[in-house]
PDB file of N, CA and C in Angstrom:
ATOM      1  N   MET A   1       0.805  -1.248   0.072  1.00  0.00           N
ATOM      2  CA  MET A   1      -0.142   0.133  -0.088  1.00  0.00           C
ATOM      3  C   MET A   1       0.885   1.122  -0.039  1.00  0.00           C
ATOM      4  N   SER A   2       2.181   1.176   0.427  1.00  0.00           N
ATOM      5  CA  SER A   2       3.184   2.317   0.415  1.00  0.00           C
ATOM      6  C   SER A   2       3.024   3.065  -0.956  1.00  0.00           C
ATOM      7  N   PRO A   3       3.136   2.255  -2.230  1.00  0.00           N
ATOM      8  CA  PRO A   3       3.289   3.148  -3.126  1.00  0.00           C
ATOM      9  C   PRO A   3       2.002   3.998  -3.506  1.00  0.00           C
ATOM     10  N   ILE A   4       0.729   3.407  -3.024  1.00  0.00           N
ATOM     11  CA  ILE A   4      -0.465   4.185  -3.424  1.00  0.00           C
ATOM     12  C   ILE A   4      -0.675   5.513  -2.264  1.00  0.00           C
ATOM     13  N   VAL A   5      -0.127   5.153  -1.032  1.00  0.00           N
ATOM     14  CA  VAL A   5      -0.250   6.341  -0.022  1.00  0.00           C
ATOM     15  C   VAL A   5       0.747   7.501  -0.619  1.00  0.00           C
ATOM     16  N   ASP A   6       2.042   6.958  -0.991  1.00  0.00           N
ATOM     17  CA  ASP A   6       2.808   7.937  -1.441  1.00  0.00           C
ATOM     18  C   ASP A   6       2.280   8.707  -2.840  1.00  0.00           C
ATOM     19  N   GLY A   7       1.903   8.134  -3.586  1.00  0.00           N
ATOM     20  CA  GLY A   7       1.296   8.723  -4.812  1.00  0.00           C
ATOM     21  C   GLY A   7       0.280   9.892  -4.309  1.00  0.00           C
ATOM     22  N   LEU A   8      -0.725   9.446  -3.285  1.00  0.00           N
ATOM     23  CA  LEU A   8      -1.822  10.303  -2.937  1.00  0.00           C
ATOM     24  C   LEU A   8      -1.339  11.486  -2.182  1.00  0.00           C
ATOM     25  N   SER A   9      -0.034  11.186  -1.437  1.00  0.00           N
ATOM     26  CA  SER A   9       0.552  12.338  -0.751  1.00  0.00           C
ATOM     27  C   SER A   9       1.217  13.151  -1.641  1.00  0.00           C
ATOM     28  N   GLU A  10       1.638  12.756  -2.919  1.00  0.00           N
ATOM     29  CA  GLU A  10       2.462  13.657  -3.947  1.00  0.00           C
ATOM     30  C   GLU A  10       0.983  14.325  -4.659  1.00  0.00           C
ATOM     31  N   GLN A  11      -0.018  13.622  -4.982  1.00  0.00           N
ATOM     32  CA  GLN A  11      -1.093  14.370  -5.528  1.00  0.00           C
ATOM     33  C   GLN A  11      -1.789  15.397  -4.589  1.00  0.00           C
ATOM     34  N   TYR A  12      -1.910  15.241  -3.426  1.00  0.00           N
ATOM     35  CA  TYR A  12      -2.752  16.133  -2.630  1.00  0.00           C
ATOM     36  C   TYR A  12      -1.759  17.207  -2.042  1.00  0.00           C
ATOM     37  N   GLY A  13      -0.346  16.947  -1.949  1.00  0.00           N
ATOM     38  CA  GLY A  13       0.555  17.814  -1.658  1.00  0.00           C
ATOM     39  C   GLY A  13       0.483  18.294  -0.203  1.00  0.00           C
ATOM     40  N   GLU A  14       0.402  19.739  -0.028  1.00  0.00           N
ATOM     41  CA  GLU A  14       0.567  20.272   1.264  1.00  0.00           C
ATOM     42  C   GLU A  14      -1.093  20.468   1.846  1.00  0.00           C
ATOM     43  N   ALA A  15      -1.896  19.791   1.013  1.00  0.00           N
ATOM     44  CA  ALA A  15      -3.452  19.791   1.646  1.00  0.00           C
ATOM     45  C   ALA A  15      -3.676  18.690   2.668  1.00  0.00           C
ATOM     46  N   VAL A  16      -2.730  17.983   2.533  1.00  0.00           N
ATOM     47  CA  VAL A  16      -2.635  16.729   3.462  1.00  0.00           C
ATOM     48  C   VAL A  16      -1.337  16.491   4.282  1.00  0.00           C
ATOM     49  N   ALA A  17      -1.246  15.955   5.455  1.00  0.00           N
ATOM     50  CA  ALA A  17      -0.093  15.497   5.947  1.00  0.00           C
ATOM     51  C   ALA A  17      -0.221  13.966   6.152  1.00  0.00           C
ATOM     52  N   VAL A  18       0.682  13.253   5.606  1.00  0.00           N
ATOM     53  CA  VAL A  18       0.754  11.563   5.729  1.00  0.00           C
ATOM     54  C   VAL A  18       1.639  11.332   6.698  1.00  0.00           C
ATOM     55  N   VAL A  19       1.180  10.554   7.804  1.00  0.00           N
ATOM     56  CA  VAL A  19       2.223   9.997   8.656  1.00  0.00           C
ATOM     57  C   VAL A  19       2.145   8.487   8.616  1.00  0.00           C
ATOM     58  N   LYS A  20       3.317   7.754   8.345  1.00  0.00           N
ATOM     59  CA  LYS A  20       3.312   6.351   8.199  1.00  0.00           C
ATOM     60  C   LYS A  20       3.956   5.745   9.524  1.00  0.00           C
ATOM     61  N   LEU A  21       3.193   4.663  10.109  1.00  0.00           N
ATOM     62  CA  LEU A  21       3.665   4.157  11.149  1.00  0.00           C
ATOM     63  C   LEU A  21       3.717   2.665  11.081  1.00  0.00           C
ATOM     64  N   ASN A  22       4.585   2.181  11.759  1.00  0.00           N
ATOM     65  CA  ASN A  22       4.903   0.608  11.674  1.00  0.00           C
ATOM     66  C   ASN A  22       4.041  -0.150  12.824  1.00  0.00           C
ATOM     67  N   ALA A  23       2.994  -0.740  12.635  1.00  0.00           N
ATOM     68  CA  ALA A  23       2.198  -1.549  13.682  1.00  0.00           C
ATOM     69  C   ALA A  23       2.912  -2.661  14.219  1.00  0.00           C
ATOM     70  N   ARG A  24       4.320  -2.962  13.840  1.00  0.00           N
ATOM     71  CA  ARG A  24       4.826  -4.088  14.592  1.00  0.00           C
ATOM     72  C   ARG A  24       6.410  -3.528  14.869  1.00  0.00           C
ATOM     73  N   ASP A  25       6.623  -2.324  15.167  1.00  0.00           N
ATOM     74  CA  ASP A  25       7.778  -1.610  15.539  1.00  0.00           C
ATOM     75  C   ASP A  25       8.478  -1.809  17.031  1.00  0.00           C
ATOM     76  N   GLY A  26       7.136  -2.152  17.858  1.00  0.00           N
ATOM     77  CA  GLY A  26       7.504  -2.194  19.391  1.00  0.00           C
ATOM     78  C   GLY A  26       7.632  -1.019  19.935  1.00  0.00           C
ATOM     79  N   GLY A  27       7.154   0.099  19.205  1.00  0.00           N
ATOM     80  CA  GLY A  27       7.179   1.407  19.791  1.00  0.00           C
ATOM     81  C   GLY A  27       6.054   2.294  19.419  1.00  0.00           C
ATOM     82  N   LEU A  28       6.116   3.639  19.040  1.00  0.00           N
ATOM     83  CA  LEU A  28       5.216   4.499  18.801  1.00  0.00           C
ATOM     84  C   LEU A  28       4.238   4.022  17.728  1.00  0.00           C
ATOM     85  N   GLY A  29       4.655   3.419  16.617  1.00  0.00           N
ATOM     86  CA  GLY A  29       3.680   2.805  15.459  1.00  0.00           C
ATOM     87  C   GLY A  29       2.700   1.728  16.253  1.00  0.00           C
ATOM     88  N   GLN A  30       3.387   0.873  16.980  1.00  0.00           N
ATOM     89  CA  GLN A  30       2.567  -0.297  17.520  1.00  0.00           C
ATOM     90  C   GLN A  30       1.602   0.122  18.670  1.00  0.00           C
ATOM     91  N   GLN A  31       2.019   1.347  19.360  1.00  0.00           N
ATOM     92  CA  GLN A  31       0.951   1.899  20.538  1.00  0.00           C
ATOM     93  C   GLN A  31       0.017   2.575  19.830  1.00  0.00           C
ATOM     94  N   ALA A  32       0.144   3.230  18.768  1.00  0.00           N
ATOM     95  CA  ALA A  32      -0.944   3.849  17.958  1.00  0.00           C
ATOM     96  C   ALA A  32      -1.675   2.889  17.281  1.00  0.00           C
ATOM     97  N   PHE A  33      -1.376   1.785  16.875  1.00  0.00           N
ATOM     98  CA  PHE A  33      -2.182   0.865  16.209  1.00  0.00           C
ATOM     99  C   PHE A  33      -3.022   0.267  17.288  1.00  0.00           C
ATOM    100  N   GLU A  34      -2.529  -0.079  18.440  1.00  0.00           N
ATOM    101  CA  GLU A  34      -3.372  -0.734  19.409  1.00  0.00           C
ATOM    102  C   GLU A  34      -4.278   0.204  20.012  1.00  0.00           C
ATOM    103  N   LEU A  35      -3.910   1.413  20.217  1.00  0.00           N
ATOM    104  CA  LEU A  35      -4.966   2.454  20.608  1.00  0.00           C
ATOM    105  C   LEU A  35      -5.962   2.820  19.679  1.00  0.00           C
ATOM    106  N   SER A  36      -5.786   2.615  18.370  1.00  0.00           N
ATOM    107  CA  SER A  36      -6.795   2.822  17.329  1.00  0.00           C
ATOM    108  C   SER A  36      -8.058   1.959  17.436  1.00  0.00           C
ATOM    109  N   GLY A  37      -7.680   0.775  17.780  1.00  0.00           N
ATOM    110  CA  GLY A  37      -8.718  -0.056  17.908  1.00  0.00           C
ATOM    111  C   GLY A  37      -9.152  -0.591  16.456  1.00  0.00           C
ATOM    112  N   LEU A  38      -8.243  -0.347  15.493  1.00  0.00           N
ATOM    113  CA  LEU A  38      -8.379  -1.126  13.960  1.00  0.00           C
ATOM    114  C   LEU A  38      -8.347  -2.529  14.197  1.00  0.00           C
ATOM    115  N   PRO A  39      -9.132  -3.170  13.402  1.00  0.00           N
ATOM    116  CA  PRO A  39      -9.081  -4.727  13.447  1.00  0.00           C
ATOM    117  C   PRO A  39      -8.028  -5.423  12.858  1.00  0.00           C
ATOM    118  N   GLY A  40      -7.293  -4.762  11.980  1.00  0.00           N
ATOM    119  CA  GLY A  40      -6.172  -5.259  11.038  1.00  0.00           C
ATOM    120  C   GLY A  40      -5.391  -4.148  10.625  1.00  0.00           C
ATOM    121  N   HIS A  41      -4.472  -4.534   9.740  1.00  0.00           N
ATOM    122  CA  HIS A  41      -3.586  -3.707   9.323  1.00  0.00           C
ATOM    123  C   HIS A  41      -3.146  -4.158   7.658  1.00  0.00           C
ATOM    124  N   PRO A  42      -2.745  -3.359   6.602  1.00  0.00           N
ATOM    125  CA  PRO A  42      -2.691  -1.895   7.034  1.00  0.00           C
ATOM    126  C   PRO A  42      -3.896  -1.146   7.517  1.00  0.00           C
ATOM    127  N   GLY A  43      -3.727  -0.175   8.337  1.00  0.00           N
ATOM    128  CA  GLY A  43      -4.816   0.807   8.677  1.00  0.00           C
ATOM    129  C   GLY A  43      -4.657   2.197   8.329  1.00  0.00           C
ATOM    130  N   TYR A  44      -5.584   2.761   7.919  1.00  0.00           N
ATOM    131  CA  TYR A  44      -5.922   4.234   7.544  1.00  0.00           C
ATOM    132  C   TYR A  44      -6.853   4.962   8.512  1.00  0.00           C
ATOM    133  N   VAL A  45      -6.123   6.209   8.735  1.00  0.00           N
ATOM    134  CA  VAL A  45      -7.170   7.000   9.655  1.00  0.00           C
ATOM    135  C   VAL A  45      -7.030   8.266   9.309  1.00  0.00           C
ATOM    136  N   LEU A  46      -8.311   9.122   8.790  1.00  0.00           N
ATOM    137  CA  LEU A  46      -8.064  10.406   8.488  1.00  0.00           C
ATOM    138  C   LEU A  46      -8.515  11.515   9.381  1.00  0.00           C
ATOM    139  N   LEU A  47      -7.707  12.316   9.939  1.00  0.00           N
ATOM    140  CA  LEU A  47      -8.024  13.224  11.008  1.00  0.00           C
ATOM    141  C   LEU A  47      -8.098  14.487  10.606  1.00  0.00           C
ATOM    142  N   ARG A  48      -9.009  15.326  11.213  1.00  0.00           N
ATOM    143  CA  ARG A  48      -8.740  16.918  10.885  1.00  0.00           C
ATOM    144  C   ARG A  48      -7.709  17.355  11.661  1.00  0.00           C
ATOM    145  N   PRO A  49      -7.274  18.750  11.137  1.00  0.00           N
ATOM    146  CA  PRO A  49      -6.321  19.373  12.222  1.00  0.00           C
ATOM    147  C   PRO A  49      -6.545  19.600  13.514  1.00  0.00           C
ATOM    148  N   ASP A  50      -7.789  19.301  13.989  1.00  0.00           N
ATOM    149  CA  ASP A  50      -7.943  19.507  15.454  1.00  0.00           C
ATOM    150  C   ASP A  50      -8.038  18.206  15.947  1.00  0.00           C
ATOM    151  N   GLY A  51      -7.647  17.080  15.191  1.00  0.00           N
ATOM    152  CA  GLY A  51      -7.406  15.737  15.895  1.00  0.00           C
ATOM    153  C   GLY A  51      -8.790  15.045  15.666  1.00  0.00           C
ATOM    154  N   SER A  52      -9.891  15.297  15.125  1.00  0.00           N
ATOM    155  CA  SER A  52     -11.023  14.631  15.269  1.00  0.00           C
ATOM    156  C   SER A  52     -10.946  13.822  13.977  1.00  0.00           C
ATOM    157  N   GLU A  53     -11.514  12.469  14.378  1.00  0.00           N
ATOM    158  CA  GLU A  53     -11.436  11.393  13.179  1.00  0.00           C
ATOM    159  C   GLU A  53     -12.636  11.731  12.045  1.00  0.00           C
ATOM    160  N   VAL A  54     -12.188  11.540  10.958  1.00  0.00           N
ATOM    161  CA  VAL A  54     -13.384  11.607   9.979  1.00  0.00           C
ATOM    162  C   VAL A  54     -13.447  10.338   9.070  1.00  0.00           C
ATOM    163  N   TRP A  55     -12.559   9.593   9.015  1.00  0.00           N
ATOM    164  CA  TRP A  55     -12.700   8.289   8.262  1.00  0.00           C
ATOM    165  C   TRP A  55     -11.588   7.348   8.873  1.00  0.00           C
ATOM    166  N   ARG A  56     -11.845   6.169   8.738  1.00  0.00           N
ATOM    167  CA  ARG A  56     -10.865   4.904   8.705  1.00  0.00           C
ATOM    168  C   ARG A  56     -11.269   3.841   8.080  1.00  0.00           C
ATOM    169  N   GLY A  57     -10.205   3.201   7.677  1.00  0.00           N
ATOM    170  CA  GLY A  57     -10.427   1.765   7.058  1.00  0.00           C
ATOM    171  C   GLY A  57      -9.130   0.914   7.440  1.00  0.00           C
ATOM    172  N   TYR A  58      -9.340  -0.480   7.077  1.00  0.00           N
ATOM    173  CA  TYR A  58      -8.067  -1.261   7.186  1.00  0.00           C
ATOM    174  C   TYR A  58      -8.045  -2.151   6.071  1.00  0.00           C
ATOM    175  N   GLY A  59      -6.854  -2.989   6.128  1.00  0.00           N
ATOM    176  CA  GLY A  59      -6.797  -3.811   5.043  1.00  0.00           C
ATOM    177  C   GLY A  59      -6.376  -3.263   3.587  1.00  0.00           C
ATOM    178  N   GLN A  60      -6.405  -3.996   2.530  1.00  0.00           N
ATOM    179  CA  GLN A  60      -5.971  -3.314   1.072  1.00  0.00           C
ATOM    180  C   GLN A  60      -7.178  -2.686   0.679  1.00  0.00           C
ATOM    181  N   GLN A  61      -6.782  -1.416   0.261  1.00  0.00           N
ATOM    182  CA  GLN A  61      -7.834  -0.477  -0.210  1.00  0.00           C
ATOM    183  C   GLN A  61      -7.457  -0.069  -1.654  1.00  0.00           C
ATOM    184  N   PRO A  62      -8.788  -0.221  -2.353  1.00  0.00           N
ATOM    185  CA  PRO A  62      -8.334   0.275  -3.800  1.00  0.00           C
ATOM    186  C   PRO A  62      -8.026   1.758  -3.532  1.00  0.00           C
ATOM    187  N   VAL A  63      -7.122   2.484  -4.594  1.00  0.00           N
ATOM    188  CA  VAL A  63      -6.787   3.888  -4.479  1.00  0.00           C
ATOM    189  C   VAL A  63      -8.032   4.530  -4.590  1.00  0.00           C
ATOM    190  N   GLY A  64      -9.007   4.296  -5.305  1.00  0.00           N
ATOM    191  CA  GLY A  64     -10.306   5.065  -5.193  1.00  0.00           C
ATOM    192  C   GLY A  64     -11.049   5.303  -4.132  1.00  0.00           C
ATOM    193  N   VAL A  65     -10.988   4.197  -3.205  1.00  0.00           N
ATOM    194  CA  VAL A  65     -11.541   4.327  -1.958  1.00  0.00           C
ATOM    195  C   VAL A  65     -10.944   5.661  -1.001  1.00  0.00           C
ATOM    196  N   LEU A  66      -9.575   5.422  -1.002  1.00  0.00           N
ATOM    197  CA  LEU A  66      -8.957   6.321  -0.278  1.00  0.00           C
ATOM    198  C   LEU A  66      -9.090   7.854  -1.164  1.00  0.00           C
ATOM    199  N   GLU A  67      -9.129   7.896  -2.432  1.00  0.00           N
ATOM    200  CA  GLU A  67      -8.930   8.909  -3.179  1.00  0.00           C
ATOM    201  C   GLU A  67     -10.455   9.838  -2.778  1.00  0.00           C
ATOM    202  N   ASP A  68     -11.527   9.035  -2.690  1.00  0.00           N
ATOM    203  CA  ASP A  68     -13.052   9.403  -2.501  1.00  0.00           C
ATOM    204  C   ASP A  68     -12.991   9.935  -1.147  1.00  0.00           C
ATOM    205  N   ALA A  69     -12.296   9.225  -0.220  1.00  0.00           N
ATOM    206  CA  ALA A  69     -12.263   9.877   1.341  1.00  0.00           C
ATOM    207  C   ALA A  69     -11.545  10.976   1.511  1.00  0.00           C
ATOM    208  N   LEU A  70     -10.551  10.956   0.974  1.00  0.00           N
ATOM    209  CA  LEU A  70      -9.764  12.308   0.966  1.00  0.00           C
ATOM    210  C   LEU A  70     -10.388  13.452   0.242  1.00  0.00           C
ATOM    211  N   SER A  71     -10.935  13.275  -0.929  1.00  0.00           N
ATOM    212  CA  SER A  71     -11.715  14.249  -1.552  1.00  0.00           C
ATOM    213  C   SER A  71     -13.050  14.712  -0.817  1.00  0.00           C
ATOM    214  N   ALA A  72     -13.671  13.765  -0.300  1.00  0.00           N
ATOM    215  CA  ALA A  72     -14.830  14.337   0.659  1.00  0.00           C
ATOM    216  C   ALA A  72     -14.460  15.118   1.732  1.00  0.00           C
ATOM    217  N   VAL A  73     -13.524  14.644   2.579  1.00  0.00           N
ATOM    218  CA  VAL A  73     -13.155  15.429   3.430  1.00  0.00           C
ATOM    219  C   VAL A  73     -12.561  16.879   3.236  1.00  0.00           C
ATOM    220  N   LEU A  74     -11.811  16.916   2.155  1.00  0.00           N
ATOM    221  CA  LEU A  74     -11.207  18.214   1.763  1.00  0.00           C
ATOM    222  C   LEU A  74     -12.188  19.104   1.096  1.00  0.00           C
ATOM    223  N   ALA A  75     -13.308  18.414   0.603  1.00  0.00           N
ATOM    224  CA  ALA A  75     -14.350  19.350   0.141  1.00  0.00           C
ATOM    225  C   ALA A  75     -15.385  19.819   1.485  1.00  0.00           C
ATOM    226  N   GLY A  76     -15.173  19.068   2.522  1.00  0.00           N
ATOM    227  CA  GLY A  76     -16.113  19.688   3.661  1.00  0.00           C
ATOM    228  C   GLY A  76     -17.383  18.635   3.694  1.00  0.00           C
ATOM    229  N   SER A  77     -17.524  17.718   3.007  1.00  0.00           N
ATOM    230  CA  SER A  77     -18.670  16.853   3.137  1.00  0.00           C
ATOM    231  C   SER A  77     -18.266  15.312   3.736  1.00  0.00           C
ATOM    232  N   GLY A  78     -17.231  15.200   3.871  1.00  0.00           N
ATOM    233  CA  GLY A  78     -16.783  13.818   4.540  1.00  0.00           C
ATOM    234  C   GLY A  78     -16.782  13.979   6.244  1.00  0.00           C
ATOM    235  N   GLY A  79     -16.908  12.774   6.757  1.00  0.00           N
ATOM    236  CA  GLY A  79     -16.647  12.804   8.076  1.00  0.00           C
ATOM    237  C   GLY A  79     -17.846  12.151   8.822  1.00  0.00           C
ATOM    238  N   ARG A  80     -17.857  12.243  10.098  1.00  0.00           N
ATOM    239  CA  ARG A  80     -18.762  11.970  11.006  1.00  0.00           C
ATOM    240  C   ARG A  80     -19.694  13.084  11.549  1.00  0.00           C
TER     241      ARG A  80
END
C-alpha cells in the first residue's frame, strides 16, 4: 500500500499530512495501532487538523476508496 499512499501524498501535496507508522515496531507505531482499535492492518485514519477522526479503514484498499475519502474530507462533505 505504500506506493498508493505515496502517490496520494504527492497528488494532494500540502493539503494533507501523511504519517506512516509501523504497527509492528514495538514502539510508537505499535502503540498507535493498538490504541486505534483497528481490527487489522494496514490501517488508515483520516484526521482533521483538530485531531477529530473523519474516516478509517483497514486492509488493502483500492486507490479510489482512499481518493474518495480524501476528496470528501477536503471538500467538507466527509466525516462523521
